[in-house]
Amino acid sequence: MGAAFVAALTASLYIARVPMQPLSAEALRAARQRWNDMGMKDYEISYLMHGARYDVEVRDGLVVDLLVDGKPGYSAEWGLYSVDGLFRLLDMELENLSDASGPFGQNGQQTTARVRFNEPFGYVQRYLRSAAPGGKPASIQIIEFTPRPDNG
């Protein structure tokens, strides 16, 4: 138990220290291009989002298994939980950030969105959205990404 705590603490400190950049259309486009250039179709990814842990298995570009907090995921659109789905989520976040009358601009909220993309692969490693006063924060934090040997 102690070793696991130290490993988790070390990983958390590393993640917190690596710089993040503001979410922008240019950064998102560049990351998505790196991801597409990799041609990654078979992988497993685990991440934290909305206070839950998501474990996703992707084969031939399609989500074939989804666990949410260790239980089978119930969603009509499993594809939303893949790397491509996370890019679509960030597209929506970016659209909402640029709309002064949208959900992030209401009540004079000042919303900040920062992101870090994986350098070689392009997938989102960490995303944080904060809003003040009284806005709802959001976050995505990748726990593990494992390419599978089936990738061509």
N, C-alpha and C. Protein backbone atom coordinates (compact mmCIF):
# COMPACT_ATOMS: atom_id res chain seq x y z
N MET A 1 0.83 -1.20 0.00
CA MET A 1 0.00 0.00 0.00
C MET A 1 0.87 1.26 0.00
N GLY A 2 1.94 1.27 0.78
CA GLY A 2 2.81 2.43 0.85
C GLY A 2 3.48 2.71 -0.47
N ALA A 3 3.93 1.66 -1.17
CA ALA A 3 4.59 1.84 -2.47
C ALA A 3 3.61 2.40 -3.49
N ALA A 4 2.37 1.94 -3.45
CA ALA A 4 1.36 2.45 -4.39
C ALA A 4 1.09 3.92 -4.13
N PHE A 5 1.05 4.31 -2.86
CA PHE A 5 0.83 5.72 -2.52
C PHE A 5 1.97 6.59 -3.03
N VAL A 6 3.19 6.13 -2.82
CA VAL A 6 4.36 6.89 -3.28
C VAL A 6 4.35 7.01 -4.80
N ALA A 7 4.01 5.93 -5.49
CA ALA A 7 3.95 5.97 -6.96
C ALA A 7 2.88 6.93 -7.43
N ALA A 8 1.71 6.90 -6.80
CA ALA A 8 0.62 7.81 -7.18
C ALA A 8 1.01 9.26 -6.89
N LEU A 9 1.65 9.51 -5.76
CA LEU A 9 2.08 10.86 -5.42
C LEU A 9 3.13 11.36 -6.42
N THR A 10 4.08 10.51 -6.76
CA THR A 10 5.12 10.88 -7.73
C THR A 10 4.49 11.21 -9.08
N ALA A 11 3.58 10.37 -9.54
CA ALA A 11 2.90 10.62 -10.82
C ALA A 11 2.12 11.92 -10.76
N SER A 12 1.43 12.17 -9.66
CA SER A 12 0.64 13.40 -9.52
C SER A 12 1.53 14.64 -9.56
N LEU A 13 2.66 14.58 -8.88
CA LEU A 13 3.59 15.71 -8.88
C LEU A 13 4.15 15.94 -10.28
N TYR A 14 4.46 14.87 -11.00
CA TYR A 14 4.97 15.01 -12.37
C TYR A 14 3.92 15.65 -13.26
N ILE A 15 2.70 15.17 -13.17
CA ILE A 15 1.61 15.69 -14.00
C ILE A 15 1.36 17.15 -13.69
N ALA A 16 1.40 17.52 -12.42
CA ALA A 16 1.15 18.90 -12.02
C ALA A 16 2.27 19.84 -12.48
N ARG A 17 3.48 19.34 -12.60
CA ARG A 17 4.62 20.19 -12.94
C ARG A 17 4.78 20.41 -14.44
N VAL A 18 4.32 19.47 -15.25
CA VAL A 18 4.47 19.61 -16.70
C VAL A 18 3.52 20.70 -17.17
N PRO A 19 4.03 21.70 -17.89
CA PRO A 19 3.20 22.85 -18.25
C PRO A 19 2.03 22.49 -19.17
N MET A 20 0.99 23.29 -19.03
CA MET A 20 -0.18 23.17 -19.88
C MET A 20 -0.31 24.47 -20.66
N GLN A 21 -1.02 24.43 -21.77
CA GLN A 21 -1.22 25.61 -22.60
C GLN A 21 -2.71 25.92 -22.69
N PRO A 22 -3.07 27.14 -23.01
CA PRO A 22 -4.48 27.45 -23.21
C PRO A 22 -5.05 26.59 -24.35
N LEU A 23 -6.27 26.12 -24.18
CA LEU A 23 -6.94 25.39 -25.25
C LEU A 23 -7.22 26.36 -26.39
N SER A 24 -6.73 26.03 -27.58
CA SER A 24 -6.95 26.87 -28.75
C SER A 24 -7.24 25.97 -29.94
N ALA A 25 -7.86 26.56 -30.96
CA ALA A 25 -8.15 25.80 -32.19
C ALA A 25 -6.86 25.30 -32.82
N GLU A 26 -5.82 26.13 -32.79
CA GLU A 26 -4.55 25.74 -33.40
C GLU A 26 -3.91 24.56 -32.67
N ALA A 27 -3.88 24.62 -31.35
CA ALA A 27 -3.29 23.53 -30.57
C ALA A 27 -4.07 22.24 -30.77
N LEU A 28 -5.39 22.34 -30.77
CA LEU A 28 -6.24 21.17 -30.96
C LEU A 28 -6.04 20.58 -32.35
N ARG A 29 -5.98 21.43 -33.35
CA ARG A 29 -5.78 20.97 -34.74
C ARG A 29 -4.42 20.26 -34.87
N ALA A 30 -3.36 20.83 -34.30
CA ALA A 30 -2.03 20.23 -34.38
C ALA A 30 -1.99 18.88 -33.66
N ALA A 31 -2.61 18.78 -32.50
CA ALA A 31 -2.64 17.52 -31.75
C ALA A 31 -3.42 16.46 -32.52
N ARG A 32 -4.56 16.84 -33.05
CA ARG A 32 -5.37 15.89 -33.83
C ARG A 32 -4.60 15.41 -35.06
N GLN A 33 -3.83 16.31 -35.69
CA GLN A 33 -3.04 15.92 -36.86
C GLN A 33 -1.96 14.90 -36.48
N ARG A 34 -1.29 15.14 -35.32
CA ARG A 34 -0.29 14.17 -34.84
C ARG A 34 -0.94 12.82 -34.61
N TRP A 35 -2.11 12.83 -33.98
CA TRP A 35 -2.85 11.59 -33.71
C TRP A 35 -3.19 10.88 -35.01
N ASN A 36 -3.74 11.61 -35.97
CA ASN A 36 -4.10 11.00 -37.25
C ASN A 36 -2.87 10.48 -37.99
N ASP A 37 -1.77 11.22 -37.93
CA ASP A 37 -0.54 10.78 -38.60
C ASP A 37 0.00 9.48 -38.01
N MET A 38 -0.25 9.25 -36.71
CA MET A 38 0.22 8.01 -36.07
C MET A 38 -0.55 6.79 -36.59
N GLY A 39 -1.78 6.99 -37.04
CA GLY A 39 -2.58 5.88 -37.55
C GLY A 39 -2.92 4.86 -36.48
N MET A 40 -3.03 5.31 -35.25
CA MET A 40 -3.28 4.42 -34.12
C MET A 40 -4.74 3.94 -34.13
N LYS A 41 -4.94 2.65 -34.34
CA LYS A 41 -6.30 2.09 -34.40
C LYS A 41 -6.57 1.08 -33.29
N ASP A 42 -5.51 0.62 -32.63
CA ASP A 42 -5.65 -0.40 -31.58
C ASP A 42 -4.91 0.08 -30.34
N TYR A 43 -5.66 0.35 -29.28
CA TYR A 43 -5.04 0.84 -28.05
C TYR A 43 -6.01 0.69 -26.88
N GLU A 44 -5.46 0.84 -25.71
CA GLU A 44 -6.25 0.90 -24.48
C GLU A 44 -5.91 2.21 -23.80
N ILE A 45 -6.91 2.85 -23.24
CA ILE A 45 -6.70 4.12 -22.56
C ILE A 45 -7.55 4.15 -21.30
N SER A 46 -6.96 4.67 -20.24
CA SER A 46 -7.67 4.86 -18.97
C SER A 46 -7.52 6.31 -18.58
N TYR A 47 -8.64 6.89 -18.13
CA TYR A 47 -8.58 8.29 -17.72
C TYR A 47 -9.66 8.60 -16.69
N LEU A 48 -9.46 9.72 -16.02
CA LEU A 48 -10.43 10.25 -15.07
C LEU A 48 -11.15 11.41 -15.73
N MET A 49 -12.49 11.41 -15.63
CA MET A 49 -13.29 12.50 -16.17
C MET A 49 -14.60 12.54 -15.39
N HIS A 50 -15.04 13.74 -15.04
CA HIS A 50 -16.30 13.92 -14.31
C HIS A 50 -16.34 13.09 -13.02
N GLY A 51 -15.19 12.94 -12.38
CA GLY A 51 -15.14 12.21 -11.12
C GLY A 51 -15.21 10.71 -11.26
N ALA A 52 -15.14 10.18 -12.47
CA ALA A 52 -15.20 8.74 -12.70
C ALA A 52 -13.97 8.28 -13.47
N ARG A 53 -13.67 7.00 -13.33
CA ARG A 53 -12.57 6.40 -14.08
C ARG A 53 -13.15 5.66 -15.28
N TYR A 54 -12.56 5.92 -16.45
CA TYR A 54 -12.97 5.28 -17.70
C TYR A 54 -11.83 4.41 -18.19
N ASP A 55 -12.13 3.15 -18.46
CA ASP A 55 -11.18 2.22 -19.06
C ASP A 55 -11.76 1.81 -20.41
N VAL A 56 -11.03 2.13 -21.48
CA VAL A 56 -11.55 1.98 -22.83
C VAL A 56 -10.60 1.14 -23.66
N GLU A 57 -11.16 0.16 -24.37
CA GLU A 57 -10.37 -0.66 -25.29
C GLU A 57 -10.85 -0.37 -26.71
N VAL A 58 -9.91 -0.04 -27.59
CA VAL A 58 -10.23 0.32 -28.97
C VAL A 58 -9.53 -0.65 -29.91
N ARG A 59 -10.29 -1.22 -30.83
CA ARG A 59 -9.74 -2.11 -31.86
C ARG A 59 -10.24 -1.64 -33.21
N ASP A 60 -9.34 -1.55 -34.14
CA ASP A 60 -9.66 -1.10 -35.50
C ASP A 60 -10.42 0.24 -35.47
N GLY A 61 -10.05 1.10 -34.52
CA GLY A 61 -10.64 2.43 -34.42
C GLY A 61 -11.99 2.49 -33.72
N LEU A 62 -12.51 1.34 -33.27
CA LEU A 62 -13.83 1.30 -32.63
C LEU A 62 -13.70 0.87 -31.17
N VAL A 63 -14.48 1.49 -30.29
CA VAL A 63 -14.50 1.10 -28.89
C VAL A 63 -15.18 -0.26 -28.79
N VAL A 64 -14.45 -1.24 -28.24
CA VAL A 64 -15.01 -2.58 -28.10
C VAL A 64 -15.29 -2.94 -26.64
N ASP A 65 -14.74 -2.14 -25.72
CA ASP A 65 -15.01 -2.38 -24.31
C ASP A 65 -14.92 -1.05 -23.57
N LEU A 66 -15.87 -0.83 -22.67
CA LEU A 66 -15.93 0.40 -21.89
C LEU A 66 -16.32 0.07 -20.47
N LEU A 67 -15.45 0.43 -19.52
CA LEU A 67 -15.76 0.30 -18.11
C LEU A 67 -15.75 1.68 -17.49
N VAL A 68 -16.76 1.95 -16.67
CA VAL A 68 -16.84 3.20 -15.93
C VAL A 68 -16.82 2.82 -14.45
N ASP A 69 -15.76 3.23 -13.77
CA ASP A 69 -15.54 2.86 -12.38
C ASP A 69 -15.64 1.34 -12.19
N GLY A 70 -15.07 0.61 -13.17
CA GLY A 70 -15.00 -0.84 -13.07
C GLY A 70 -16.25 -1.59 -13.48
N LYS A 71 -17.28 -0.87 -13.88
CA LYS A 71 -18.54 -1.50 -14.28
C LYS A 71 -18.77 -1.25 -15.77
N PRO A 72 -19.48 -2.16 -16.44
CA PRO A 72 -19.74 -1.96 -17.88
C PRO A 72 -20.40 -0.61 -18.13
N GLY A 73 -19.88 0.10 -19.12
CA GLY A 73 -20.42 1.40 -19.47
C GLY A 73 -21.71 1.27 -20.25
N TYR A 74 -22.65 2.14 -19.96
CA TYR A 74 -23.93 2.15 -20.67
C TYR A 74 -24.04 3.46 -21.43
N SER A 75 -23.80 3.38 -22.73
CA SER A 75 -23.87 4.56 -23.55
C SER A 75 -24.25 4.14 -24.96
N ALA A 76 -25.06 4.93 -25.60
CA ALA A 76 -25.42 4.65 -26.99
C ALA A 76 -24.25 4.94 -27.91
N GLU A 77 -23.32 5.77 -27.47
CA GLU A 77 -22.20 6.18 -28.31
C GLU A 77 -20.87 5.91 -27.62
N TRP A 78 -20.44 4.67 -27.63
CA TRP A 78 -19.17 4.32 -27.00
C TRP A 78 -18.01 5.08 -27.63
N GLY A 79 -18.12 5.44 -28.89
CA GLY A 79 -17.05 6.15 -29.59
C GLY A 79 -16.68 7.47 -28.94
N LEU A 80 -17.59 8.03 -28.15
CA LEU A 80 -17.30 9.29 -27.46
C LEU A 80 -16.19 9.14 -26.43
N TYR A 81 -15.86 7.91 -26.06
CA TYR A 81 -14.88 7.67 -25.00
C TYR A 81 -13.50 7.31 -25.55
N SER A 82 -13.36 7.28 -26.86
CA SER A 82 -12.07 7.01 -27.50
C SER A 82 -11.26 8.30 -27.56
N VAL A 83 -10.04 8.23 -28.06
CA VAL A 83 -9.24 9.44 -28.25
C VAL A 83 -9.95 10.38 -29.21
N ASP A 84 -10.50 9.85 -30.30
CA ASP A 84 -11.25 10.70 -31.24
C ASP A 84 -12.45 11.35 -30.55
N GLY A 85 -13.11 10.61 -29.67
CA GLY A 85 -14.22 11.17 -28.91
C GLY A 85 -13.79 12.29 -27.98
N LEU A 86 -12.61 12.14 -27.37
CA LEU A 86 -12.10 13.20 -26.50
C LEU A 86 -11.76 14.44 -27.32
N PHE A 87 -11.27 14.25 -28.56
CA PHE A 87 -11.05 15.40 -29.44
C PHE A 87 -12.37 16.11 -29.73
N ARG A 88 -13.43 15.33 -29.97
CA ARG A 88 -14.75 15.95 -30.23
C ARG A 88 -15.24 16.71 -28.99
N LEU A 89 -14.99 16.17 -27.82
CA LEU A 89 -15.35 16.85 -26.58
C LEU A 89 -14.61 18.18 -26.48
N LEU A 90 -13.31 18.19 -26.79
CA LEU A 90 -12.56 19.43 -26.74
C LEU A 90 -13.02 20.41 -27.82
N ASP A 91 -13.47 19.91 -28.97
CA ASP A 91 -14.09 20.78 -29.98
C ASP A 91 -15.28 21.52 -29.39
N MET A 92 -16.14 20.78 -28.67
CA MET A 92 -17.33 21.39 -28.05
C MET A 92 -16.93 22.38 -26.97
N GLU A 93 -15.92 22.03 -26.17
CA GLU A 93 -15.44 22.94 -25.13
C GLU A 93 -14.96 24.25 -25.76
N LEU A 94 -14.18 24.14 -26.83
CA LEU A 94 -13.65 25.30 -27.52
C LEU A 94 -14.77 26.17 -28.08
N GLU A 95 -15.77 25.53 -28.66
CA GLU A 95 -16.93 26.26 -29.19
C GLU A 95 -17.65 27.01 -28.07
N ASN A 96 -17.85 26.35 -26.94
CA ASN A 96 -18.51 27.00 -25.81
C ASN A 96 -17.68 28.14 -25.23
N LEU A 97 -16.35 27.97 -25.24
CA LEU A 97 -15.47 29.03 -24.72
C LEU A 97 -15.54 30.29 -25.58
N SER A 98 -15.77 30.12 -26.87
CA SER A 98 -15.77 31.27 -27.77
C SER A 98 -17.15 31.93 -27.91
N ASP A 99 -18.16 31.38 -27.25
CA ASP A 99 -19.52 31.90 -27.34
C ASP A 99 -19.85 32.67 -26.06
N ALA A 100 -19.82 34.00 -26.14
CA ALA A 100 -20.06 34.84 -24.96
C ALA A 100 -21.45 34.62 -24.37
N SER A 101 -22.42 34.21 -25.19
CA SER A 101 -23.77 33.97 -24.67
C SER A 101 -23.98 32.50 -24.32
N GLY A 102 -22.93 31.69 -24.49
CA GLY A 102 -23.03 30.25 -24.20
C GLY A 102 -22.91 29.95 -22.73
N PRO A 103 -22.82 28.67 -22.41
CA PRO A 103 -22.83 28.25 -21.00
C PRO A 103 -21.65 28.75 -20.17
N PHE A 104 -20.51 29.05 -20.82
CA PHE A 104 -19.36 29.51 -20.05
C PHE A 104 -19.32 31.03 -19.93
N GLY A 105 -20.18 31.74 -20.65
CA GLY A 105 -20.18 33.19 -20.61
C GLY A 105 -21.30 33.77 -19.76
N GLN A 106 -22.15 32.91 -19.24
CA GLN A 106 -23.29 33.38 -18.46
C GLN A 106 -22.84 33.92 -17.11
N ASN A 107 -23.61 34.87 -16.62
CA ASN A 107 -23.39 35.47 -15.29
C ASN A 107 -21.99 36.06 -15.13
N GLY A 108 -21.40 36.51 -16.22
CA GLY A 108 -20.09 37.15 -16.15
C GLY A 108 -18.97 36.22 -15.76
N GLN A 109 -19.15 34.92 -15.97
CA GLN A 109 -18.11 33.96 -15.61
C GLN A 109 -16.83 34.22 -16.40
N GLN A 110 -15.74 34.07 -15.74
CA GLN A 110 -14.44 34.09 -16.40
C GLN A 110 -13.98 32.63 -16.46
N THR A 111 -13.97 32.05 -17.66
CA THR A 111 -13.64 30.64 -17.81
C THR A 111 -12.25 30.49 -18.41
N THR A 112 -11.47 29.60 -17.84
CA THR A 112 -10.13 29.31 -18.31
C THR A 112 -10.06 27.84 -18.66
N ALA A 113 -9.48 27.53 -19.82
CA ALA A 113 -9.31 26.14 -20.24
C ALA A 113 -7.85 25.93 -20.63
N ARG A 114 -7.23 24.94 -20.02
CA ARG A 114 -5.82 24.64 -20.30
C ARG A 114 -5.71 23.16 -20.64
N VAL A 115 -4.75 22.85 -21.49
CA VAL A 115 -4.62 21.48 -21.99
C VAL A 115 -3.15 21.12 -22.17
N ARG A 116 -2.87 19.84 -22.10
CA ARG A 116 -1.56 19.32 -22.47
C ARG A 116 -1.82 18.09 -23.34
N PHE A 117 -1.19 18.10 -24.53
CA PHE A 117 -1.30 16.98 -25.44
C PHE A 117 -0.01 16.17 -25.41
N ASN A 118 -0.13 14.87 -25.59
CA ASN A 118 1.04 14.01 -25.67
C ASN A 118 1.84 14.39 -26.91
N GLU A 119 3.14 14.61 -26.75
CA GLU A 119 3.96 15.08 -27.86
C GLU A 119 4.01 14.11 -29.03
N PRO A 120 4.43 12.85 -28.84
CA PRO A 120 4.54 12.03 -30.04
C PRO A 120 3.20 11.60 -30.62
N PHE A 121 2.22 11.30 -29.77
CA PHE A 121 0.96 10.73 -30.26
C PHE A 121 -0.13 11.77 -30.52
N GLY A 122 -0.16 12.84 -29.73
CA GLY A 122 -1.15 13.88 -29.92
C GLY A 122 -2.39 13.79 -29.05
N TYR A 123 -2.64 12.65 -28.40
CA TYR A 123 -3.86 12.55 -27.58
C TYR A 123 -3.77 13.50 -26.38
N VAL A 124 -4.93 13.88 -25.85
CA VAL A 124 -4.97 14.77 -24.69
C VAL A 124 -4.45 14.01 -23.47
N GLN A 125 -3.50 14.60 -22.75
CA GLN A 125 -3.00 14.00 -21.53
C GLN A 125 -3.72 14.57 -20.31
N ARG A 126 -4.01 15.87 -20.41
CA ARG A 126 -4.68 16.53 -19.28
C ARG A 126 -5.44 17.73 -19.80
N TYR A 127 -6.62 17.93 -19.26
CA TYR A 127 -7.44 19.09 -19.61
C TYR A 127 -8.08 19.61 -18.33
N LEU A 128 -8.05 20.92 -18.15
CA LEU A 128 -8.68 21.55 -16.99
C LEU A 128 -9.47 22.76 -17.45
N ARG A 129 -10.72 22.82 -17.04
CA ARG A 129 -11.52 24.02 -17.28
C ARG A 129 -11.99 24.51 -15.92
N SER A 130 -11.74 25.79 -15.66
CA SER A 130 -12.20 26.38 -14.41
C SER A 130 -12.96 27.65 -14.72
N ALA A 131 -13.94 27.94 -13.90
CA ALA A 131 -14.76 29.13 -14.09
C ALA A 131 -15.03 29.77 -12.74
N ALA A 132 -14.98 31.08 -12.72
CA ALA A 132 -15.27 31.79 -11.48
C ALA A 132 -16.14 32.98 -11.84
N PRO A 133 -17.02 33.43 -11.05
CA PRO A 133 -17.42 32.80 -9.79
C PRO A 133 -18.49 31.74 -10.02
N GLY A 134 -18.44 30.69 -9.27
CA GLY A 134 -19.49 29.68 -9.24
C GLY A 134 -19.64 28.80 -10.47
N GLY A 135 -18.71 28.84 -11.41
CA GLY A 135 -18.81 27.98 -12.58
C GLY A 135 -18.41 26.55 -12.26
N LYS A 136 -18.83 25.63 -13.13
CA LYS A 136 -18.49 24.23 -12.93
C LYS A 136 -17.16 23.90 -13.58
N PRO A 137 -16.22 23.38 -12.81
CA PRO A 137 -14.95 22.96 -13.41
C PRO A 137 -15.12 21.63 -14.14
N ALA A 138 -14.19 21.33 -15.00
CA ALA A 138 -14.16 20.04 -15.70
C ALA A 138 -12.71 19.63 -15.86
N SER A 139 -12.49 18.34 -15.94
CA SER A 139 -11.12 17.88 -16.14
C SER A 139 -11.10 16.51 -16.80
N ILE A 140 -10.01 16.28 -17.50
CA ILE A 140 -9.68 14.96 -18.06
C ILE A 140 -8.24 14.72 -17.69
N GLN A 141 -7.96 13.57 -17.15
CA GLN A 141 -6.58 13.22 -16.81
C GLN A 141 -6.31 11.79 -17.25
N ILE A 142 -5.39 11.63 -18.18
CA ILE A 142 -5.04 10.30 -18.65
C ILE A 142 -4.23 9.60 -17.57
N ILE A 143 -4.63 8.39 -17.27
CA ILE A 143 -3.91 7.56 -16.30
C ILE A 143 -2.91 6.69 -17.05
N GLU A 144 -3.39 6.09 -18.15
CA GLU A 144 -2.53 5.17 -18.90
C GLU A 144 -2.99 5.10 -20.35
N PHE A 145 -2.03 5.05 -21.25
CA PHE A 145 -2.31 4.84 -22.67
C PHE A 145 -1.38 3.73 -23.14
N THR A 146 -1.96 2.69 -23.73
CA THR A 146 -1.19 1.53 -24.17
C THR A 146 -1.52 1.21 -25.63
N PRO A 147 -0.58 1.50 -26.55
CA PRO A 147 -0.79 1.05 -27.93
C PRO A 147 -0.72 -0.47 -27.98
N ARG A 148 -1.51 -1.09 -28.82
CA ARG A 148 -1.51 -2.55 -28.95
C ARG A 148 -0.67 -2.94 -30.16
N PRO A 149 -0.08 -4.12 -30.14
CA PRO A 149 0.79 -4.53 -31.24
C PRO A 149 0.07 -4.72 -32.57
N ASP A 150 -1.25 -4.71 -32.59
CA ASP A 150 -2.01 -4.90 -33.83
C ASP A 150 -1.92 -3.69 -34.75
N ASN A 151 -1.38 -2.57 -34.26
CA ASN A 151 -1.31 -1.36 -35.09
C ASN A 151 -0.42 -1.59 -36.29
N GLY A 152 -0.91 -1.14 -37.44
CA GLY A 152 -0.17 -1.35 -38.68
C GLY A 152 0.80 -0.30 -38.88
